[in-house]
């Protein structure tokens, strides 16, 4: 089970940090990802990290602004979001694979959190 938190309202140019904590003993063996879905749009890839945390991929729209990281001892994956833009407004979801390999495709993820809302005002 995945529990995301940290969303909220922020002005453009500001920062937010999201967290996603997983229950269970296999967190350290699986890749994790962050995705987002804006109103009226399809869910899109944001970032992914492999099980050891040394392989990271980002969506083009967030490269250079967002950073994904993980702490396997805490069963938690993070998304640090800087220089936020109104276009970043969305519900952000964390997801887990059953594989250790980082991946951008939504269909490769098996478990999803409930989502946390991020609203960026202009």
N, C-alpha and C. Protein backbone atom coordinates (compact mmCIF):
# COMPACT_ATOMS: atom_id res chain seq x y z
N UNK A 1 0.84 -1.19 0.00
CA UNK A 1 0.00 0.00 0.00
C UNK A 1 0.88 1.25 0.00
N UNK A 2 0.49 2.23 -0.80
CA UNK A 2 1.27 3.45 -0.95
C UNK A 2 0.48 4.64 -0.45
N UNK A 3 1.13 5.50 0.30
CA UNK A 3 0.48 6.67 0.87
C UNK A 3 1.28 7.90 0.50
N UNK A 4 0.70 8.74 -0.35
CA UNK A 4 1.36 9.97 -0.78
C UNK A 4 0.91 11.14 0.06
N UNK A 5 1.82 12.09 0.27
CA UNK A 5 1.49 13.28 1.03
C UNK A 5 2.37 14.43 0.59
N UNK A 6 2.03 15.64 1.03
CA UNK A 6 2.86 16.79 0.77
C UNK A 6 2.30 17.79 -0.22
N UNK A 7 1.19 17.45 -0.83
CA UNK A 7 0.59 18.38 -1.77
C UNK A 7 0.05 19.62 -1.09
N UNK A 8 -0.29 20.61 -1.90
CA UNK A 8 -0.85 21.84 -1.35
C UNK A 8 -0.88 22.93 -2.39
N UNK A 9 -1.09 24.15 -1.91
CA UNK A 9 -1.16 25.32 -2.77
C UNK A 9 0.13 26.11 -2.65
N UNK A 10 0.69 26.47 -3.79
CA UNK A 10 1.94 27.22 -3.81
C UNK A 10 1.91 28.22 -4.97
N UNK A 11 2.61 29.31 -4.81
CA UNK A 11 2.68 30.28 -5.89
C UNK A 11 3.71 29.85 -6.93
N UNK A 12 3.52 30.32 -8.14
CA UNK A 12 4.48 30.03 -9.20
C UNK A 12 5.87 30.46 -8.77
N UNK A 13 6.83 29.60 -9.08
CA UNK A 13 8.20 29.84 -8.65
C UNK A 13 8.56 29.22 -7.32
N UNK A 14 7.56 28.76 -6.61
CA UNK A 14 7.78 28.16 -5.30
C UNK A 14 8.15 26.69 -5.39
N UNK A 15 8.25 26.06 -4.22
CA UNK A 15 8.68 24.67 -4.12
C UNK A 15 7.73 23.87 -3.23
N UNK A 16 7.66 22.59 -3.51
CA UNK A 16 6.94 21.63 -2.67
C UNK A 16 7.71 20.33 -2.67
N UNK A 17 7.57 19.58 -1.59
CA UNK A 17 8.19 18.27 -1.52
C UNK A 17 7.12 17.23 -1.23
N UNK A 18 7.01 16.26 -2.10
CA UNK A 18 6.06 15.18 -1.92
C UNK A 18 6.77 13.95 -1.35
N UNK A 19 6.02 13.19 -0.57
CA UNK A 19 6.53 11.94 -0.02
C UNK A 19 5.56 10.83 -0.31
N UNK A 20 6.06 9.65 -0.42
CA UNK A 20 5.22 8.47 -0.63
C UNK A 20 5.82 7.33 0.19
N UNK A 21 5.07 6.88 1.16
CA UNK A 21 5.54 5.81 2.04
C UNK A 21 4.83 4.52 1.69
N UNK A 22 5.61 3.45 1.62
CA UNK A 22 5.07 2.15 1.26
C UNK A 22 5.08 1.21 2.45
N UNK A 23 4.05 0.44 2.55
CA UNK A 23 4.01 -0.60 3.56
C UNK A 23 4.54 -1.88 2.93
N UNK A 24 4.99 -2.79 3.75
CA UNK A 24 5.52 -4.04 3.23
C UNK A 24 7.03 -4.08 3.24
N UNK A 25 7.56 -5.24 3.01
CA UNK A 25 9.00 -5.46 3.18
C UNK A 25 9.78 -5.42 1.88
N UNK A 26 9.10 -5.23 0.75
CA UNK A 26 9.82 -5.35 -0.52
C UNK A 26 10.18 -4.00 -1.12
N UNK A 27 9.94 -2.91 -0.41
CA UNK A 27 10.15 -1.58 -0.99
C UNK A 27 11.54 -1.46 -1.58
N UNK A 28 12.53 -1.91 -0.88
CA UNK A 28 13.91 -1.76 -1.32
C UNK A 28 14.26 -2.57 -2.55
N UNK A 29 13.36 -3.41 -3.01
CA UNK A 29 13.63 -4.26 -4.17
C UNK A 29 12.91 -3.80 -5.43
N UNK A 30 12.11 -2.75 -5.32
CA UNK A 30 11.29 -2.36 -6.47
C UNK A 30 11.55 -0.93 -6.91
N UNK A 31 11.33 -0.70 -8.20
CA UNK A 31 11.41 0.66 -8.74
C UNK A 31 10.13 1.42 -8.39
N UNK A 32 10.28 2.72 -8.27
CA UNK A 32 9.16 3.60 -7.92
C UNK A 32 9.03 4.71 -8.96
N UNK A 33 7.84 5.25 -9.05
CA UNK A 33 7.62 6.34 -9.99
C UNK A 33 6.63 7.35 -9.47
N UNK A 34 6.71 8.54 -10.02
CA UNK A 34 5.71 9.58 -9.79
C UNK A 34 5.05 9.91 -11.12
N UNK A 35 3.75 10.06 -11.08
CA UNK A 35 2.96 10.44 -12.23
C UNK A 35 2.01 11.56 -11.81
N UNK A 36 1.43 12.23 -12.76
CA UNK A 36 0.47 13.28 -12.43
C UNK A 36 -0.66 13.30 -13.45
N UNK A 37 -1.79 13.82 -12.99
CA UNK A 37 -2.94 13.95 -13.87
C UNK A 37 -3.61 15.28 -13.61
N UNK A 38 -3.59 16.12 -14.63
CA UNK A 38 -4.25 17.42 -14.55
C UNK A 38 -5.71 17.26 -14.98
N UNK A 39 -6.57 18.17 -14.55
CA UNK A 39 -7.99 18.09 -14.92
C UNK A 39 -8.18 18.01 -16.43
N UNK A 40 -8.92 17.02 -16.87
CA UNK A 40 -9.22 16.88 -18.28
C UNK A 40 -8.10 16.31 -19.12
N UNK A 41 -7.02 15.89 -18.47
CA UNK A 41 -5.88 15.36 -19.22
C UNK A 41 -5.57 13.94 -18.78
N UNK A 42 -4.80 13.25 -19.59
CA UNK A 42 -4.39 11.91 -19.25
C UNK A 42 -3.27 11.94 -18.22
N UNK A 43 -3.14 10.84 -17.49
CA UNK A 43 -2.06 10.73 -16.53
C UNK A 43 -0.73 10.68 -17.28
N UNK A 44 0.25 11.43 -16.76
CA UNK A 44 1.54 11.48 -17.45
C UNK A 44 2.69 11.16 -16.50
N UNK A 45 3.77 10.72 -17.10
CA UNK A 45 4.96 10.35 -16.37
C UNK A 45 5.69 11.59 -15.85
N UNK A 46 6.16 11.54 -14.62
CA UNK A 46 6.93 12.63 -14.04
C UNK A 46 8.37 12.21 -13.78
N UNK A 47 8.55 11.13 -13.01
CA UNK A 47 9.90 10.70 -12.65
C UNK A 47 9.87 9.26 -12.18
N UNK A 48 11.01 8.60 -12.31
CA UNK A 48 11.13 7.23 -11.84
C UNK A 48 12.53 6.99 -11.29
N UNK A 49 12.63 6.03 -10.38
CA UNK A 49 13.89 5.72 -9.74
C UNK A 49 14.00 4.21 -9.55
N UNK A 50 15.19 3.68 -9.80
CA UNK A 50 15.34 2.24 -9.64
C UNK A 50 15.50 1.89 -8.16
N UNK A 51 15.63 0.62 -7.85
CA UNK A 51 15.56 0.21 -6.46
C UNK A 51 16.73 0.73 -5.62
N UNK A 52 17.88 0.89 -6.23
CA UNK A 52 19.04 1.36 -5.48
C UNK A 52 19.19 2.86 -5.50
N UNK A 53 18.39 3.53 -6.32
CA UNK A 53 18.40 4.99 -6.34
C UNK A 53 19.45 5.63 -7.21
N UNK A 54 20.13 4.86 -8.02
CA UNK A 54 21.20 5.44 -8.83
C UNK A 54 20.82 5.60 -10.30
N UNK A 55 19.63 5.19 -10.66
CA UNK A 55 19.16 5.40 -12.02
C UNK A 55 17.83 6.17 -11.94
N UNK A 56 17.83 7.35 -12.56
CA UNK A 56 16.69 8.24 -12.48
C UNK A 56 16.30 8.68 -13.89
N UNK A 57 15.01 8.80 -14.13
CA UNK A 57 14.53 9.36 -15.39
C UNK A 57 13.44 10.39 -15.06
N UNK A 58 13.36 11.40 -15.93
CA UNK A 58 12.37 12.45 -15.73
C UNK A 58 11.61 12.73 -17.01
N UNK A 59 10.36 13.17 -16.84
CA UNK A 59 9.62 13.65 -17.97
C UNK A 59 10.21 14.96 -18.47
N UNK A 60 10.06 15.24 -19.74
CA UNK A 60 10.69 16.42 -20.33
C UNK A 60 10.21 17.72 -19.67
N UNK A 61 8.97 17.75 -19.26
CA UNK A 61 8.42 19.00 -18.73
C UNK A 61 8.93 19.33 -17.32
N UNK A 62 9.57 18.37 -16.65
CA UNK A 62 10.01 18.62 -15.28
C UNK A 62 11.53 18.54 -15.13
N UNK A 63 12.22 18.17 -16.18
CA UNK A 63 13.69 18.05 -16.10
C UNK A 63 14.32 19.36 -15.65
N UNK A 64 15.24 19.24 -14.70
CA UNK A 64 15.93 20.42 -14.20
C UNK A 64 15.19 21.13 -13.09
N UNK A 65 13.93 20.76 -12.85
CA UNK A 65 13.14 21.41 -11.79
C UNK A 65 12.76 20.43 -10.68
N UNK A 66 12.51 19.18 -11.04
CA UNK A 66 12.07 18.17 -10.07
C UNK A 66 13.20 17.18 -9.82
N UNK A 67 13.23 16.64 -8.61
CA UNK A 67 14.22 15.62 -8.24
C UNK A 67 13.54 14.49 -7.49
N UNK A 68 13.73 13.29 -7.97
CA UNK A 68 13.20 12.11 -7.29
C UNK A 68 14.33 11.48 -6.48
N UNK A 69 13.98 10.98 -5.31
CA UNK A 69 14.95 10.30 -4.46
C UNK A 69 14.21 9.28 -3.61
N UNK A 70 14.96 8.44 -2.93
CA UNK A 70 14.32 7.43 -2.08
C UNK A 70 15.19 7.14 -0.87
N UNK A 71 14.53 6.70 0.18
CA UNK A 71 15.20 6.25 1.39
C UNK A 71 14.64 4.87 1.70
N UNK A 72 15.38 3.84 1.34
CA UNK A 72 14.87 2.48 1.51
C UNK A 72 14.72 2.09 2.97
N UNK A 73 15.50 2.70 3.83
CA UNK A 73 15.36 2.42 5.26
C UNK A 73 14.04 2.93 5.81
N UNK A 74 13.48 3.94 5.16
CA UNK A 74 12.20 4.52 5.58
C UNK A 74 11.05 4.12 4.67
N UNK A 75 11.32 3.26 3.70
CA UNK A 75 10.27 2.84 2.75
C UNK A 75 9.59 4.04 2.10
N UNK A 76 10.37 5.05 1.75
CA UNK A 76 9.79 6.29 1.27
C UNK A 76 10.50 6.76 0.00
N UNK A 77 9.70 7.25 -0.93
CA UNK A 77 10.21 7.91 -2.12
C UNK A 77 9.75 9.36 -2.09
N UNK A 78 10.61 10.26 -2.57
CA UNK A 78 10.33 11.70 -2.49
C UNK A 78 10.31 12.30 -3.89
N UNK A 79 9.62 13.43 -3.98
CA UNK A 79 9.68 14.23 -5.20
C UNK A 79 9.83 15.68 -4.77
N UNK A 80 11.02 16.22 -4.96
CA UNK A 80 11.27 17.63 -4.68
C UNK A 80 10.95 18.43 -5.93
N UNK A 81 10.04 19.38 -5.79
CA UNK A 81 9.59 20.16 -6.94
C UNK A 81 9.95 21.62 -6.72
N UNK A 82 10.80 22.13 -7.58
CA UNK A 82 11.24 23.52 -7.51
C UNK A 82 10.78 24.30 -8.72
N UNK A 83 10.77 25.61 -8.58
CA UNK A 83 10.39 26.50 -9.68
C UNK A 83 9.07 26.04 -10.31
N UNK A 84 8.09 25.84 -9.48
CA UNK A 84 6.81 25.33 -9.94
C UNK A 84 6.10 26.32 -10.85
N UNK A 85 5.38 25.77 -11.80
CA UNK A 85 4.63 26.55 -12.78
C UNK A 85 3.16 26.19 -12.68
N UNK A 86 2.27 27.09 -13.09
CA UNK A 86 0.84 26.75 -13.06
C UNK A 86 0.53 25.46 -13.82
N UNK A 87 1.32 25.17 -14.84
CA UNK A 87 1.10 23.94 -15.63
C UNK A 87 1.43 22.68 -14.85
N UNK A 88 2.06 22.83 -13.68
CA UNK A 88 2.34 21.67 -12.83
C UNK A 88 1.15 21.29 -11.95
N UNK A 89 0.11 22.08 -11.99
CA UNK A 89 -1.08 21.78 -11.21
C UNK A 89 -1.68 20.44 -11.65
N UNK A 90 -1.83 19.54 -10.69
CA UNK A 90 -2.31 18.19 -10.98
C UNK A 90 -2.43 17.40 -9.69
N UNK A 91 -3.06 16.25 -9.80
CA UNK A 91 -2.98 15.26 -8.73
C UNK A 91 -1.75 14.40 -9.02
N UNK A 92 -0.89 14.30 -8.03
CA UNK A 92 0.35 13.54 -8.18
C UNK A 92 0.19 12.17 -7.51
N UNK A 93 0.58 11.15 -8.24
CA UNK A 93 0.47 9.78 -7.77
C UNK A 93 1.85 9.13 -7.69
N UNK A 94 2.07 8.38 -6.64
CA UNK A 94 3.25 7.53 -6.62
C UNK A 94 2.82 6.12 -6.99
N UNK A 95 3.75 5.37 -7.54
CA UNK A 95 3.45 4.03 -8.00
C UNK A 95 4.67 3.15 -7.84
N UNK A 96 4.41 1.86 -7.72
CA UNK A 96 5.47 0.89 -7.53
C UNK A 96 5.41 -0.19 -8.60
N UNK A 97 6.56 -0.61 -9.04
CA UNK A 97 6.65 -1.74 -9.95
C UNK A 97 6.93 -3.00 -9.13
N UNK A 98 6.80 -4.14 -9.77
CA UNK A 98 7.27 -5.38 -9.17
C UNK A 98 8.69 -5.68 -9.64
N UNK A 99 9.22 -4.83 -10.46
CA UNK A 99 10.58 -4.95 -10.98
C UNK A 99 11.47 -3.91 -10.32
N UNK A 100 12.78 -4.16 -10.34
CA UNK A 100 13.73 -3.21 -9.77
C UNK A 100 14.14 -2.14 -10.78
N UNK A 101 13.68 -2.26 -12.02
CA UNK A 101 14.12 -1.40 -13.10
C UNK A 101 13.22 -0.18 -13.23
N UNK A 102 13.83 0.99 -13.26
CA UNK A 102 13.06 2.23 -13.44
C UNK A 102 12.40 2.25 -14.82
N UNK A 103 11.20 2.80 -14.87
CA UNK A 103 10.46 2.80 -16.12
C UNK A 103 9.50 3.98 -16.17
N UNK A 104 9.24 4.45 -17.40
CA UNK A 104 8.36 5.61 -17.58
C UNK A 104 6.93 5.24 -17.97
N UNK A 105 6.72 4.03 -18.41
CA UNK A 105 5.40 3.64 -18.89
C UNK A 105 4.45 3.35 -17.75
N UNK A 106 3.30 3.97 -17.82
CA UNK A 106 2.29 3.78 -16.78
C UNK A 106 1.90 2.32 -16.66
N UNK A 107 1.80 1.64 -17.78
CA UNK A 107 1.33 0.25 -17.79
C UNK A 107 2.27 -0.71 -17.08
N UNK A 108 3.50 -0.28 -16.79
CA UNK A 108 4.47 -1.16 -16.14
C UNK A 108 4.39 -1.09 -14.62
N UNK A 109 3.51 -0.26 -14.10
CA UNK A 109 3.38 -0.10 -12.66
C UNK A 109 2.20 -0.91 -12.14
N UNK A 110 2.40 -1.51 -10.98
CA UNK A 110 1.44 -2.46 -10.45
C UNK A 110 0.60 -1.92 -9.29
N UNK A 111 1.19 -1.07 -8.50
CA UNK A 111 0.50 -0.55 -7.33
C UNK A 111 0.54 0.97 -7.35
N UNK A 112 -0.59 1.58 -6.95
CA UNK A 112 -0.72 3.04 -7.01
C UNK A 112 -1.21 3.58 -5.67
N UNK A 113 -0.70 4.76 -5.33
CA UNK A 113 -1.19 5.47 -4.17
C UNK A 113 -2.44 6.24 -4.52
N UNK A 114 -3.00 6.94 -3.54
CA UNK A 114 -4.28 7.61 -3.72
C UNK A 114 -4.16 8.97 -4.35
N UNK A 115 -2.97 9.52 -4.45
CA UNK A 115 -2.77 10.82 -5.06
C UNK A 115 -2.80 11.96 -4.07
N UNK A 116 -2.04 12.99 -4.38
CA UNK A 116 -2.03 14.20 -3.57
C UNK A 116 -2.09 15.40 -4.52
N UNK A 117 -2.93 16.38 -4.19
CA UNK A 117 -3.19 17.49 -5.10
C UNK A 117 -2.15 18.59 -4.92
N UNK A 118 -1.58 19.01 -6.04
CA UNK A 118 -0.66 20.15 -6.08
C UNK A 118 -1.31 21.23 -6.93
N UNK A 119 -1.45 22.41 -6.35
CA UNK A 119 -2.03 23.54 -7.07
C UNK A 119 -1.03 24.67 -7.08
N UNK A 120 -0.69 25.14 -8.28
CA UNK A 120 0.27 26.23 -8.43
C UNK A 120 -0.47 27.44 -8.98
N UNK A 121 -0.48 28.51 -8.22
CA UNK A 121 -1.18 29.71 -8.64
C UNK A 121 -0.22 30.65 -9.37
N UNK A 122 -0.77 31.41 -10.30
CA UNK A 122 0.06 32.33 -11.09
C UNK A 122 0.15 33.70 -10.44
